[in-house]
Protein backbone atom coordinates (compact mmCIF):
# COMPACT_ATOMS: atom_id res chain seq x y z
CA UNK A 1 105.45 130.00 96.19
CA UNK A 2 104.35 127.28 98.70
CA UNK A 3 105.80 126.07 102.14
CA UNK A 4 108.67 123.80 102.08
CA UNK A 5 108.07 120.86 104.54
CA UNK A 6 110.91 118.39 105.87
CA UNK A 7 110.45 114.79 106.90
CA UNK A 8 113.09 113.34 108.91
CA UNK A 9 113.86 109.73 110.16
CA UNK A 10 116.75 108.46 111.97
CA UNK A 11 117.32 104.45 112.70
CA UNK A 12 119.79 102.16 113.97
CA UNK A 13 120.32 98.73 113.41
CA UNK A 14 122.74 96.01 113.70
CA UNK A 15 124.08 93.34 111.18
CA UNK A 16 126.63 90.52 111.03
CA UNK A 17 128.60 88.80 108.69
CA UNK A 18 131.32 85.88 108.70
CA UNK A 19 134.20 85.92 106.06
CA UNK A 20 135.01 82.20 105.37
CA UNK A 21 136.48 80.49 102.51
CA UNK A 22 135.59 76.72 102.12
CA UNK A 23 139.11 76.39 99.77
CA UNK A 24 141.10 77.26 102.75
CA UNK A 25 141.80 75.49 106.16
CA UNK A 26 140.44 76.81 109.37
CA UNK A 27 143.81 78.13 110.05
CA UNK A 28 144.14 79.67 106.66
CA UNK A 29 140.83 81.37 107.40
CA UNK A 30 141.51 82.56 110.97
CA UNK A 31 144.75 84.13 109.65
CA UNK A 32 143.38 85.82 106.83
CA UNK A 33 140.08 87.09 108.23
CA UNK A 34 140.78 87.38 111.79
CA UNK A 35 137.65 88.42 114.02
CA UNK A 36 135.72 88.47 110.74
CA UNK A 37 135.90 84.74 110.54
CA UNK A 38 134.24 84.10 113.89
CA UNK A 39 131.99 81.03 113.27
CA UNK A 40 129.28 82.73 115.57
CA UNK A 41 129.48 86.02 113.06
CA UNK A 42 130.89 89.55 113.69
CA UNK A 43 129.06 92.44 113.81
CA UNK A 44 128.49 96.16 113.33
CA UNK A 45 126.07 98.65 114.42
CA UNK A 46 124.77 101.27 111.91
CA UNK A 47 122.79 104.62 112.07
CA UNK A 48 120.94 105.69 108.93
CA UNK A 49 119.39 109.15 108.62
CA UNK A 50 117.23 110.46 105.81
CA UNK A 51 115.43 113.80 105.14
CA UNK A 52 112.68 114.27 102.58
CA UNK A 53 112.24 118.06 101.25
CA UNK A 54 109.27 118.93 99.60
CA UNK A 55 106.25 121.42 99.00
CA UNK A 56 103.61 121.14 101.59
């Protein structure tokens, strides 16, 4: 039986979005989507961790 090896990686990144419907007025968009309707976008930070396991 061979040895088992692990490779781990952790990354962080940011992403932004804007929720907006052209079928609604500016006020309706603000009321419905709140801070997610910001014209400059609304961001979130994410962390992704992955581990790969296999025989060495």
